[in-house]
């Protein structure tokens, strides 16, 4: 009988220890498909940084039919990656998205144009067709056109907006004088398709003073009322930023880790290594904490986005430093 009791006690102790050691689940929804744009998270997973923080992290790829805001609203993720214009638009529509960390310090968004379309400066945009991404990505463009005094309705003296798919076909087929590109992705697709840098002129949103914050980490505000959830997010942000800093220092290795996680098999080593080198420039200088000046610049840019601004008033409670304060100290 004593042995049975001892055995039961030992079994209970082992079960309790096992339960105490169980990792906390966290689901991350990416903004786009598996690629080096998200390398820091895959590196944190591969290198065991999440495991060290007691986390079991699931990374869900995005795609053209996946809206991070809808995923988190439906309970499909604990954290989502989104561009701030899109997140603030969702917030104004009633979804309480809160930025808890900002790994991307700089914007990679550009407008890439053909010189043979007669464009050398932004003064040449008038009466041209420009390819623009929508689904929340159009807001920096609209702000820029408003700043230049150019209407976007196709009227004389303004610009005609071509709703661009997630490819660069319009500039290759001369359907548009310019298309939306990222420094780390679509620009290189144009180059790989045969156009040379000498045949192109590039306008970086960062240089035009209309850049907005990209690829921030967002959670639902209600969840931040839960101490256990906040503790998970502190550990998640700390491990994620460790992953990002490792990726910056080991770009080729980080790109290879991304490729290992690409279930679609659509990515190539050349493209991912090149992408990772460019992405590292955008995360450099950020420890994950949101720069308030960058936030304010983004908000002002969105408020001034033409006759139909994405947000109608300055948001309140759209970000918190509580998580990064705890994670980075």
C-alpha atoms as a PDB file:
ATOM      1  CA  UNK A   1       0.000   0.000   0.000  1.00  0.00           C
ATOM      2  CA  UNK A   2       2.857   2.323   0.917  1.00  0.00           C
ATOM      3  CA  UNK A   3       4.461   1.654  -2.439  1.00  0.00           C
ATOM      4  CA  UNK A   4       1.203   2.455  -4.210  1.00  0.00           C
ATOM      5  CA  UNK A   5       0.906   5.730  -2.327  1.00  0.00           C
ATOM      6  CA  UNK A   6       4.525   6.590  -3.046  1.00  0.00           C
ATOM      7  CA  UNK A   7       3.967   5.751  -6.690  1.00  0.00           C
ATOM      8  CA  UNK A   8       0.872   7.919  -6.873  1.00  0.00           C
ATOM      9  CA  UNK A   9       2.689  10.805  -5.227  1.00  0.00           C
ATOM     10  CA  UNK A  10       5.659  10.429  -7.570  1.00  0.00           C
ATOM     11  CA  UNK A  11       3.332  10.265 -10.566  1.00  0.00           C
ATOM     12  CA  UNK A  12       1.483  13.361  -9.430  1.00  0.00           C
ATOM     13  CA  UNK A  13       4.782  15.189  -8.945  1.00  0.00           C
ATOM     14  CA  UNK A  14       5.944  14.234 -12.426  1.00  0.00           C
ATOM     15  CA  UNK A  15       2.630  15.360 -13.914  1.00  0.00           C
ATOM     16  CA  UNK A  16       2.828  18.664 -12.065  1.00  0.00           C
ATOM     17  CA  UNK A  17       6.401  19.188 -13.264  1.00  0.00           C
ATOM     18  CA  UNK A  18       5.368  18.347 -16.801  1.00  0.00           C
ATOM     19  CA  UNK A  19       2.492  20.810 -16.669  1.00  0.00           C
ATOM     20  CA  UNK A  20       4.732  23.497 -15.171  1.00  0.00           C
ATOM     21  CA  UNK A  21       7.178  23.063 -18.028  1.00  0.00           C
ATOM     22  CA  UNK A  22       4.564  23.179 -20.786  1.00  0.00           C
ATOM     23  CA  UNK A  23       5.275  25.987 -23.252  1.00  0.00           C
ATOM     24  CA  UNK A  24       2.695  28.711 -23.805  1.00  0.00           C
ATOM     25  CA  UNK A  25       1.146  28.708 -27.283  1.00  0.00           C
ATOM     26  CA  UNK A  26       1.391  31.816 -29.461  1.00  0.00           C
ATOM     27  CA  UNK A  27       0.080  32.068 -33.034  1.00  0.00           C
ATOM     28  CA  UNK A  28       1.555  34.705 -35.338  1.00  0.00           C
ATOM     29  CA  UNK A  29      -0.181  35.699 -38.574  1.00  0.00           C
ATOM     30  CA  UNK A  30       2.139  37.109 -41.244  1.00  0.00           C
ATOM     31  CA  UNK A  31       1.105  39.882 -43.623  1.00  0.00           C
ATOM     32  CA  UNK A  32       2.311  38.006 -46.695  1.00  0.00           C
ATOM     33  CA  UNK A  33       3.710  34.666 -47.830  1.00  0.00           C
ATOM     34  CA  UNK A  34       6.799  33.063 -46.280  1.00  0.00           C
ATOM     35  CA  UNK A  35       9.764  35.202 -47.316  1.00  0.00           C
ATOM     36  CA  UNK A  36      12.722  37.086 -45.835  1.00  0.00           C
ATOM     37  CA  UNK A  37      10.447  40.006 -44.974  1.00  0.00           C
ATOM     38  CA  UNK A  38       9.609  37.889 -41.911  1.00  0.00           C
ATOM     39  CA  UNK A  39      13.011  36.320 -41.339  1.00  0.00           C
ATOM     40  CA  UNK A  40      13.343  37.423 -37.717  1.00  0.00           C
ATOM     41  CA  UNK A  41      10.423  35.252 -36.636  1.00  0.00           C
ATOM     42  CA  UNK A  42      11.602  32.175 -38.510  1.00  0.00           C
ATOM     43  CA  UNK A  43      15.108  32.653 -37.106  1.00  0.00           C
ATOM     44  CA  UNK A  44      13.716  32.941 -33.568  1.00  0.00           C
ATOM     45  CA  UNK A  45      11.830  29.698 -34.150  1.00  0.00           C
ATOM     46  CA  UNK A  46      14.757  27.865 -35.750  1.00  0.00           C
ATOM     47  CA  UNK A  47      17.348  29.000 -33.200  1.00  0.00           C
ATOM     48  CA  UNK A  48      15.181  28.097 -30.223  1.00  0.00           C
ATOM     49  CA  UNK A  49      14.769  31.690 -29.025  1.00  0.00           C
ATOM     50  CA  UNK A  50      11.033  31.173 -28.533  1.00  0.00           C
ATOM     51  CA  UNK A  51      11.657  27.876 -26.774  1.00  0.00           C
ATOM     52  CA  UNK A  52      14.066  29.607 -24.396  1.00  0.00           C
ATOM     53  CA  UNK A  53      11.233  31.948 -23.440  1.00  0.00           C
ATOM     54  CA  UNK A  54       8.844  29.063 -22.810  1.00  0.00           C
ATOM     55  CA  UNK A  55       6.839  29.637 -25.970  1.00  0.00           C
ATOM     56  CA  UNK A  56       5.441  27.290 -28.588  1.00  0.00           C
ATOM     57  CA  UNK A  57       5.050  29.606 -31.591  1.00  0.00           C
ATOM     58  CA  UNK A  58       3.071  28.803 -34.729  1.00  0.00           C
ATOM     59  CA  UNK A  59       3.761  31.041 -37.732  1.00  0.00           C
ATOM     60  CA  UNK A  60       0.924  31.284 -40.254  1.00  0.00           C
ATOM     61  CA  UNK A  61       1.843  32.553 -43.743  1.00  0.00           C
ATOM     62  CA  UNK A  62      -0.332  35.193 -45.352  1.00  0.00           C
ATOM     63  CA  UNK A  63      -1.327  35.739 -48.951  1.00  0.00           C
ATOM     64  CA  UNK A  64      -3.470  37.831 -51.295  1.00  0.00           C
ATOM     65  CA  UNK A  65      -6.698  36.516 -49.767  1.00  0.00           C
ATOM     66  CA  UNK A  66      -5.618  36.787 -46.131  1.00  0.00           C
ATOM     67  CA  UNK A  67      -6.193  40.006 -44.166  1.00  0.00           C
ATOM     68  CA  UNK A  68      -4.356  39.939 -40.817  1.00  0.00           C
ATOM     69  CA  UNK A  69      -6.993  42.147 -39.189  1.00  0.00           C
ATOM     70  CA  UNK A  70      -9.744  39.701 -40.123  1.00  0.00           C
ATOM     71  CA  UNK A  71      -7.691  36.760 -38.858  1.00  0.00           C
ATOM     72  CA  UNK A  72      -7.133  38.244 -35.413  1.00  0.00           C
ATOM     73  CA  UNK A  73     -10.717  39.491 -35.215  1.00  0.00           C
ATOM     74  CA  UNK A  74     -11.878  35.924 -35.816  1.00  0.00           C
ATOM     75  CA  UNK A  75      -9.590  34.488 -33.144  1.00  0.00           C
ATOM     76  CA  UNK A  76      -7.172  32.927 -35.614  1.00  0.00           C
ATOM     77  CA  UNK A  77      -4.042  34.558 -34.201  1.00  0.00           C
ATOM     78  CA  UNK A  78      -2.679  36.125 -31.021  1.00  0.00           C
ATOM     79  CA  UNK A  79      -0.401  38.533 -32.891  1.00  0.00           C
ATOM     80  CA  UNK A  80      -0.530  39.836 -36.453  1.00  0.00           C
ATOM     81  CA  UNK A  81       1.948  41.730 -38.595  1.00  0.00           C
ATOM     82  CA  UNK A  82       0.508  44.678 -40.450  1.00  0.00           C
ATOM     83  CA  UNK A  83       1.414  48.040 -41.890  1.00  0.00           C
ATOM     84  CA  UNK A  84       0.324  50.874 -39.639  1.00  0.00           C
ATOM     85  CA  UNK A  85      -1.970  52.561 -42.228  1.00  0.00           C
ATOM     86  CA  UNK A  86      -3.958  49.351 -42.553  1.00  0.00           C
ATOM     87  CA  UNK A  87      -3.976  48.770 -38.789  1.00  0.00           C
ATOM     88  CA  UNK A  88      -5.159  52.294 -38.021  1.00  0.00           C
ATOM     89  CA  UNK A  89      -7.840  52.030 -40.694  1.00  0.00           C
ATOM     90  CA  UNK A  90      -9.100  48.831 -39.066  1.00  0.00           C
ATOM     91  CA  UNK A  91      -8.968  50.523 -35.677  1.00  0.00           C
ATOM     92  CA  UNK A  92     -11.095  53.440 -36.817  1.00  0.00           C
ATOM     93  CA  UNK A  93     -13.626  50.943 -38.162  1.00  0.00           C
ATOM     94  CA  UNK A  94     -13.944  49.410 -34.690  1.00  0.00           C
ATOM     95  CA  UNK A  95     -11.256  46.736 -34.382  1.00  0.00           C
ATOM     96  CA  UNK A  96      -9.118  47.532 -31.331  1.00  0.00           C
ATOM     97  CA  UNK A  97      -5.699  46.775 -32.814  1.00  0.00           C
ATOM     98  CA  UNK A  98      -2.783  47.921 -30.670  1.00  0.00           C
ATOM     99  CA  UNK A  99       0.850  48.134 -31.778  1.00  0.00           C
ATOM    100  CA  UNK A 100       3.072  46.415 -29.190  1.00  0.00           C
ATOM    101  CA  UNK A 101       6.386  46.481 -31.098  1.00  0.00           C
ATOM    102  CA  UNK A 102       7.886  47.948 -34.278  1.00  0.00           C
ATOM    103  CA  UNK A 103      10.805  45.922 -35.703  1.00  0.00           C
ATOM    104  CA  UNK A 104      10.844  47.872 -39.001  1.00  0.00           C
ATOM    105  CA  UNK A 105      12.365  51.322 -38.503  1.00  0.00           C
ATOM    106  CA  UNK A 106      12.360  52.425 -42.159  1.00  0.00           C
ATOM    107  CA  UNK A 107       9.960  52.055 -45.074  1.00  0.00           C
ATOM    108  CA  UNK A 108      10.859  49.905 -48.069  1.00  0.00           C
ATOM    109  CA  UNK A 109       8.064  51.259 -50.258  1.00  0.00           C
ATOM    110  CA  UNK A 110       8.920  52.847 -53.598  1.00  0.00           C
ATOM    111  CA  UNK A 111       7.420  53.921 -56.890  1.00  0.00           C
ATOM    112  CA  UNK A 112       9.544  52.538 -59.708  1.00  0.00           C
ATOM    113  CA  UNK A 113       9.166  54.187 -63.118  1.00  0.00           C
ATOM    114  CA  UNK A 114      10.351  53.751 -66.689  1.00  0.00           C
ATOM    115  CA  UNK A 115      12.521  56.587 -67.968  1.00  0.00           C
ATOM    116  CA  UNK A 116      11.193  55.982 -71.477  1.00  0.00           C
ATOM    117  CA  UNK A 117       7.737  56.927 -70.171  1.00  0.00           C
ATOM    118  CA  UNK A 118       9.044  60.450 -69.774  1.00  0.00           C
ATOM    119  CA  UNK A 119       9.552  60.416 -66.029  1.00  0.00           C
ATOM    120  CA  UNK A 120      12.666  61.775 -64.385  1.00  0.00           C
ATOM    121  CA  UNK A 121      11.177  63.664 -61.404  1.00  0.00           C
ATOM    122  CA  UNK A 122       7.862  63.644 -59.549  1.00  0.00           C
ATOM    123  CA  UNK A 123       6.857  66.705 -61.598  1.00  0.00           C
ATOM    124  CA  UNK A 124       6.466  64.312 -64.535  1.00  0.00           C
ATOM    125  CA  UNK A 125       3.709  62.242 -62.893  1.00  0.00           C
ATOM    126  CA  UNK A 126       0.924  64.453 -64.258  1.00  0.00           C
ATOM    127  CA  UNK A 127      -1.221  62.707 -66.885  1.00  0.00           C
ATOM    128  CA  UNK A 128       0.581  59.400 -66.324  1.00  0.00           C
ATOM    129  CA  UNK A 129      -0.788  56.028 -65.225  1.00  0.00           C
ATOM    130  CA  UNK A 130       0.662  54.821 -61.944  1.00  0.00           C
ATOM    131  CA  UNK A 131       0.293  51.314 -60.538  1.00  0.00           C
ATOM    132  CA  UNK A 132      -0.806  51.310 -56.903  1.00  0.00           C
ATOM    133  CA  UNK A 133      -1.388  48.502 -54.401  1.00  0.00           C
ATOM    134  CA  UNK A 134      -4.676  48.681 -52.547  1.00  0.00           C
ATOM    135  CA  UNK A 135      -6.004  46.688 -49.557  1.00  0.00           C
ATOM    136  CA  UNK A 136      -4.620  49.334 -47.179  1.00  0.00           C
ATOM    137  CA  UNK A 137      -1.338  49.866 -49.026  1.00  0.00           C
ATOM    138  CA  UNK A 138      -2.609  52.798 -51.090  1.00  0.00           C
ATOM    139  CA  UNK A 139      -2.707  55.327 -48.270  1.00  0.00           C
ATOM    140  CA  UNK A 140       0.930  56.516 -48.413  1.00  0.00           C
ATOM    141  CA  UNK A 141       0.511  56.972 -52.173  1.00  0.00           C
ATOM    142  CA  UNK A 142      -2.643  59.050 -51.768  1.00  0.00           C
ATOM    143  CA  UNK A 143      -0.914  61.180 -49.154  1.00  0.00           C
ATOM    144  CA  UNK A 144       2.015  61.751 -51.510  1.00  0.00           C
ATOM    145  CA  UNK A 145      -0.218  62.736 -54.434  1.00  0.00           C
ATOM    146  CA  UNK A 146      -2.103  65.138 -52.155  1.00  0.00           C
ATOM    147  CA  UNK A 147       1.221  66.683 -51.123  1.00  0.00           C
ATOM    148  CA  UNK A 148       2.110  67.115 -54.815  1.00  0.00           C
ATOM    149  CA  UNK A 149      -1.297  68.631 -55.578  1.00  0.00           C
ATOM    150  CA  UNK A 150      -2.185  65.861 -58.026  1.00  0.00           C
ATOM    151  CA  UNK A 151      -5.719  64.512 -58.294  1.00  0.00           C
ATOM    152  CA  UNK A 152      -6.010  60.715 -58.511  1.00  0.00           C
ATOM    153  CA  UNK A 153      -9.286  60.503 -60.425  1.00  0.00           C
ATOM    154  CA  UNK A 154      -7.744  60.428 -63.884  1.00  0.00           C
ATOM    155  CA  UNK A 155      -8.706  64.010 -64.682  1.00  0.00           C
ATOM    156  CA  UNK A 156      -6.449  66.186 -66.822  1.00  0.00           C
ATOM    157  CA  UNK A 157      -3.326  67.282 -65.002  1.00  0.00           C
ATOM    158  CA  UNK A 158      -3.719  64.552 -62.411  1.00  0.00           C
ATOM    159  CA  UNK A 159      -2.787  60.883 -62.425  1.00  0.00           C
ATOM    160  CA  UNK A 160      -4.639  57.764 -63.455  1.00  0.00           C
ATOM    161  CA  UNK A 161      -4.451  55.061 -60.790  1.00  0.00           C
ATOM    162  CA  UNK A 162      -4.110  51.478 -61.945  1.00  0.00           C
ATOM    163  CA  UNK A 163      -5.063  49.023 -59.214  1.00  0.00           C
ATOM    164  CA  UNK A 164      -1.955  46.912 -59.285  1.00  0.00           C
ATOM    165  CA  UNK A 165      -1.930  43.228 -58.495  1.00  0.00           C
ATOM    166  CA  UNK A 166       0.946  41.794 -56.501  1.00  0.00           C
ATOM    167  CA  UNK A 167       3.216  41.638 -59.536  1.00  0.00           C
ATOM    168  CA  UNK A 168       5.094  44.066 -61.794  1.00  0.00           C
ATOM    169  CA  UNK A 169       3.439  43.201 -65.093  1.00  0.00           C
ATOM    170  CA  UNK A 170       2.027  46.726 -65.735  1.00  0.00           C
ATOM    171  CA  UNK A 171       5.484  48.309 -66.014  1.00  0.00           C
ATOM    172  CA  UNK A 172       6.886  45.441 -68.071  1.00  0.00           C
ATOM    173  CA  UNK A 173       3.953  45.605 -70.491  1.00  0.00           C
ATOM    174  CA  UNK A 174       3.946  49.432 -70.488  1.00  0.00           C
ATOM    175  CA  UNK A 175       0.420  49.561 -69.090  1.00  0.00           C
ATOM    176  CA  UNK A 176       1.708  51.972 -66.444  1.00  0.00           C
ATOM    177  CA  UNK A 177       4.596  54.413 -66.329  1.00  0.00           C
ATOM    178  CA  UNK A 178       5.314  53.477 -62.713  1.00  0.00           C
ATOM    179  CA  UNK A 179       4.427  50.657 -60.333  1.00  0.00           C
ATOM    180  CA  UNK A 180       4.539  50.120 -56.590  1.00  0.00           C
ATOM    181  CA  UNK A 181       7.583  48.167 -55.451  1.00  0.00           C
ATOM    182  CA  UNK A 182       9.430  47.293 -52.267  1.00  0.00           C
ATOM    183  CA  UNK A 183      13.180  47.753 -51.979  1.00  0.00           C
ATOM    184  CA  UNK A 184      13.500  44.090 -51.055  1.00  0.00           C
ATOM    185  CA  UNK A 185      11.109  42.455 -53.502  1.00  0.00           C
ATOM    186  CA  UNK A 186       9.297  43.792 -56.569  1.00  0.00           C
ATOM    187  CA  UNK A 187      12.089  46.135 -57.674  1.00  0.00           C
ATOM    188  CA  UNK A 188      14.300  43.108 -58.156  1.00  0.00           C
ATOM    189  CA  UNK A 189      11.530  41.314 -60.047  1.00  0.00           C
ATOM    190  CA  UNK A 190      11.655  44.159 -62.575  1.00  0.00           C
ATOM    191  CA  UNK A 191      15.425  43.816 -62.845  1.00  0.00           C
ATOM    192  CA  UNK A 192      15.192  40.040 -63.200  1.00  0.00           C
ATOM    193  CA  UNK A 193      12.586  40.516 -65.943  1.00  0.00           C
ATOM    194  CA  UNK A 194      15.134  42.369 -68.082  1.00  0.00           C
ATOM    195  CA  UNK A 195      14.946  46.093 -67.371  1.00  0.00           C
ATOM    196  CA  UNK A 196      18.183  47.632 -66.121  1.00  0.00           C
ATOM    197  CA  UNK A 197      18.631  50.131 -63.276  1.00  0.00           C
ATOM    198  CA  UNK A 198      19.720  52.672 -65.883  1.00  0.00           C
ATOM    199  CA  UNK A 199      16.305  52.375 -67.576  1.00  0.00           C
ATOM    200  CA  UNK A 200      14.480  53.100 -64.327  1.00  0.00           C
ATOM    201  CA  UNK A 201      13.992  55.960 -61.900  1.00  0.00           C
ATOM    202  CA  UNK A 202      13.078  55.144 -58.320  1.00  0.00           C
ATOM    203  CA  UNK A 203      11.199  57.287 -55.822  1.00  0.00           C
ATOM    204  CA  UNK A 204      11.492  56.111 -52.228  1.00  0.00           C
ATOM    205  CA  UNK A 205       8.594  57.120 -49.999  1.00  0.00           C
ATOM    206  CA  UNK A 206      11.127  57.610 -47.215  1.00  0.00           C
ATOM    207  CA  UNK A 207      12.896  60.288 -49.297  1.00  0.00           C
ATOM    208  CA  UNK A 208       9.625  61.971 -50.269  1.00  0.00           C
ATOM    209  CA  UNK A 209       8.623  62.539 -46.641  1.00  0.00           C
ATOM    210  CA  UNK A 210       5.456  60.424 -46.894  1.00  0.00           C
ATOM    211  CA  UNK A 211       6.681  57.101 -45.564  1.00  0.00           C
ATOM    212  CA  UNK A 212       4.542  55.266 -43.032  1.00  0.00           C
ATOM    213  CA  UNK A 213       5.435  52.493 -40.622  1.00  0.00           C
ATOM    214  CA  UNK A 214       5.421  48.930 -41.944  1.00  0.00           C
ATOM    215  CA  UNK A 215       5.416  45.444 -40.412  1.00  0.00           C
ATOM    216  CA  UNK A 216       4.533  46.200 -36.808  1.00  0.00           C
ATOM    217  CA  UNK A 217       3.274  43.658 -34.270  1.00  0.00           C
ATOM    218  CA  UNK A 218      -0.393  44.104 -33.338  1.00  0.00           C
ATOM    219  CA  UNK A 219      -2.684  42.494 -30.774  1.00  0.00           C
ATOM    220  CA  UNK A 220      -6.247  43.094 -29.622  1.00  0.00           C
ATOM    221  CA  UNK A 221      -6.520  45.707 -26.904  1.00  0.00           C
ATOM    222  CA  UNK A 222      -8.822  43.570 -24.751  1.00  0.00           C
ATOM    223  CA  UNK A 223      -6.179  40.854 -24.545  1.00  0.00           C
ATOM    224  CA  UNK A 224      -3.730  43.303 -22.985  1.00  0.00           C
ATOM    225  CA  UNK A 225      -5.992  43.448 -19.927  1.00  0.00           C
ATOM    226  CA  UNK A 226      -4.942  39.871 -19.173  1.00  0.00           C
ATOM    227  CA  UNK A 227      -1.671  39.672 -17.202  1.00  0.00           C
ATOM    228  CA  UNK A 228      -0.870  36.191 -18.527  1.00  0.00           C
ATOM    229  CA  UNK A 229      -1.295  37.335 -22.132  1.00  0.00           C
ATOM    230  CA  UNK A 230       0.896  40.383 -21.551  1.00  0.00           C
ATOM    231  CA  UNK A 231       3.593  38.162 -20.062  1.00  0.00           C
ATOM    232  CA  UNK A 232       3.477  35.972 -23.187  1.00  0.00           C
ATOM    233  CA  UNK A 233       3.798  39.009 -25.396  1.00  0.00           C
ATOM    234  CA  UNK A 234       6.804  40.306 -23.452  1.00  0.00           C
ATOM    235  CA  UNK A 235       8.547  36.984 -24.032  1.00  0.00           C
ATOM    236  CA  UNK A 236       7.401  36.837 -27.641  1.00  0.00           C
ATOM    237  CA  UNK A 237       8.714  40.317 -28.457  1.00  0.00           C
ATOM    238  CA  UNK A 238      12.015  39.669 -26.684  1.00  0.00           C
ATOM    239  CA  UNK A 239      12.622  36.432 -28.601  1.00  0.00           C
ATOM    240  CA  UNK A 240      11.437  37.935 -31.901  1.00  0.00           C
ATOM    241  CA  UNK A 241      13.797  40.881 -31.640  1.00  0.00           C
ATOM    242  CA  UNK A 242      16.626  38.494 -30.788  1.00  0.00           C
ATOM    243  CA  UNK A 243      15.730  36.714 -34.013  1.00  0.00           C
ATOM    244  CA  UNK A 244      15.735  39.957 -35.970  1.00  0.00           C
ATOM    245  CA  UNK A 245      19.122  41.075 -34.688  1.00  0.00           C
ATOM    246  CA  UNK A 246      20.569  37.642 -35.492  1.00  0.00           C
ATOM    247  CA  UNK A 247      19.071  37.842 -38.993  1.00  0.00           C
ATOM    248  CA  UNK A 248      20.642  41.261 -39.552  1.00  0.00           C
ATOM    249  CA  UNK A 249      24.079  39.904 -38.657  1.00  0.00           C
ATOM    250  CA  UNK A 250      23.724  36.623 -40.587  1.00  0.00           C
ATOM    251  CA  UNK A 251      21.682  37.512 -43.666  1.00  0.00           C
ATOM    252  CA  UNK A 252      22.516  34.474 -45.791  1.00  0.00           C
ATOM    253  CA  UNK A 253      21.829  32.043 -42.948  1.00  0.00           C
ATOM    254  CA  UNK A 254      18.561  33.837 -42.174  1.00  0.00           C
ATOM    255  CA  UNK A 255      17.493  33.578 -45.825  1.00  0.00           C
ATOM    256  CA  UNK A 256      18.288  29.863 -45.798  1.00  0.00           C
ATOM    257  CA  UNK A 257      16.137  29.397 -42.687  1.00  0.00           C
ATOM    258  CA  UNK A 258      13.266  31.140 -44.468  1.00  0.00           C
ATOM    259  CA  UNK A 259      13.660  28.808 -47.436  1.00  0.00           C
ATOM    260  CA  UNK A 260      13.521  25.792 -45.126  1.00  0.00           C
ATOM    261  CA  UNK A 261      10.151  27.039 -43.868  1.00  0.00           C
ATOM    262  CA  UNK A 262       8.712  27.803 -47.298  1.00  0.00           C
ATOM    263  CA  UNK A 263       6.223  24.986 -47.739  1.00  0.00           C
ATOM    264  CA  UNK A 264       5.196  26.336 -51.148  1.00  0.00           C
ATOM    265  CA  UNK A 265       8.687  25.926 -52.566  1.00  0.00           C
ATOM    266  CA  UNK A 266       8.074  29.098 -54.591  1.00  0.00           C
ATOM    267  CA  UNK A 267      11.038  31.073 -53.294  1.00  0.00           C
ATOM    268  CA  UNK A 268      14.597  30.908 -54.630  1.00  0.00           C
ATOM    269  CA  UNK A 269      17.897  31.195 -52.792  1.00  0.00           C
ATOM    270  CA  UNK A 270      19.060  34.117 -54.940  1.00  0.00           C
ATOM    271  CA  UNK A 271      15.905  36.153 -54.345  1.00  0.00           C
ATOM    272  CA  UNK A 272      15.649  35.407 -50.617  1.00  0.00           C
ATOM    273  CA  UNK A 273      19.293  36.199 -49.882  1.00  0.00           C
ATOM    274  CA  UNK A 274      18.991  39.459 -51.799  1.00  0.00           C
ATOM    275  CA  UNK A 275      15.713  40.231 -50.026  1.00  0.00           C
ATOM    276  CA  UNK A 276      17.210  39.557 -46.609  1.00  0.00           C
ATOM    277  CA  UNK A 277      20.092  41.947 -47.297  1.00  0.00           C
ATOM    278  CA  UNK A 278      17.590  44.701 -48.116  1.00  0.00           C
ATOM    279  CA  UNK A 279      15.245  43.905 -45.223  1.00  0.00           C
ATOM    280  CA  UNK A 280      18.182  44.142 -42.790  1.00  0.00           C
ATOM    281  CA  UNK A 281      18.542  47.799 -43.787  1.00  0.00           C
ATOM    282  CA  UNK A 282      14.939  48.461 -42.735  1.00  0.00           C
ATOM    283  CA  UNK A 283      15.117  46.758 -39.335  1.00  0.00           C
ATOM    284  CA  UNK A 284      18.538  48.211 -38.553  1.00  0.00           C
ATOM    285  CA  UNK A 285      18.322  50.876 -35.869  1.00  0.00           C
ATOM    286  CA  UNK A 286      15.232  49.417 -34.215  1.00  0.00           C
ATOM    287  CA  UNK A 287      15.310  47.468 -30.978  1.00  0.00           C
ATOM    288  CA  UNK A 288      11.592  46.812 -31.360  1.00  0.00           C
ATOM    289  CA  UNK A 289      10.325  49.851 -29.468  1.00  0.00           C
ATOM    290  CA  UNK A 290       8.018  52.163 -31.410  1.00  0.00           C
ATOM    291  CA  UNK A 291       9.527  55.593 -32.068  1.00  0.00           C
ATOM    292  CA  UNK A 292       6.822  58.106 -31.172  1.00  0.00           C
ATOM    293  CA  UNK A 293       8.050  60.565 -33.819  1.00  0.00           C
ATOM    294  CA  UNK A 294       7.700  57.850 -36.489  1.00  0.00           C
ATOM    295  CA  UNK A 295       4.181  57.116 -35.238  1.00  0.00           C
ATOM    296  CA  UNK A 296       3.171  60.789 -35.333  1.00  0.00           C
ATOM    297  CA  UNK A 297       4.580  61.183 -38.844  1.00  0.00           C
ATOM    298  CA  UNK A 298       2.544  58.198 -39.998  1.00  0.00           C
ATOM    299  CA  UNK A 299      -0.649  59.541 -38.455  1.00  0.00           C
ATOM    300  CA  UNK A 300      -0.184  62.987 -40.000  1.00  0.00           C
ATOM    301  CA  UNK A 301       0.504  61.442 -43.396  1.00  0.00           C
ATOM    302  CA  UNK A 302      -2.727  59.437 -43.199  1.00  0.00           C
ATOM    303  CA  UNK A 303      -4.804  62.391 -42.045  1.00  0.00           C
ATOM    304  CA  UNK A 304      -3.640  64.348 -45.077  1.00  0.00           C
ATOM    305  CA  UNK A 305      -4.280  61.638 -47.670  1.00  0.00           C
ATOM    306  CA  UNK A 306      -6.406  63.675 -50.051  1.00  0.00           C
ATOM    307  CA  UNK A 307     -10.168  64.118 -49.975  1.00  0.00           C
ATOM    308  CA  UNK A 308     -10.748  60.637 -48.566  1.00  0.00           C
ATOM    309  CA  UNK A 309      -8.258  60.187 -45.712  1.00  0.00           C
ATOM    310  CA  UNK A 310      -7.871  56.719 -44.227  1.00  0.00           C
ATOM    311  CA  UNK A 311      -8.442  58.069 -40.718  1.00  0.00           C
ATOM    312  CA  UNK A 312     -10.520  61.116 -39.835  1.00  0.00           C
ATOM    313  CA  UNK A 313      -8.979  61.890 -36.444  1.00  0.00           C
ATOM    314  CA  UNK A 314      -5.827  61.148 -34.494  1.00  0.00           C
ATOM    315  CA  UNK A 315      -6.168  57.706 -32.875  1.00  0.00           C
ATOM    316  CA  UNK A 316      -6.067  57.163 -29.131  1.00  0.00           C
ATOM    317  CA  UNK A 317      -4.613  54.042 -27.542  1.00  0.00           C
ATOM    318  CA  UNK A 318      -3.304  52.708 -30.862  1.00  0.00           C
ATOM    319  CA  UNK A 319       0.070  51.699 -29.392  1.00  0.00           C
ATOM    320  CA  UNK A 320       1.673  50.825 -26.101  1.00  0.00           C
ATOM    321  CA  UNK A 321       5.278  50.774 -24.925  1.00  0.00           C
ATOM    322  CA  UNK A 322       4.396  48.534 -21.981  1.00  0.00           C
ATOM    323  CA  UNK A 323       5.422  45.321 -23.732  1.00  0.00           C
ATOM    324  CA  UNK A 324       8.726  46.545 -25.170  1.00  0.00           C
ATOM    325  CA  UNK A 325       9.587  48.353 -21.924  1.00  0.00           C
ATOM    326  CA  UNK A 326       9.406  45.013 -20.139  1.00  0.00           C
ATOM    327  CA  UNK A 327      10.903  42.948 -22.958  1.00  0.00           C
ATOM    328  CA  UNK A 328      13.951  45.094 -23.629  1.00  0.00           C
ATOM    329  CA  UNK A 329      14.963  46.049 -20.096  1.00  0.00           C
END
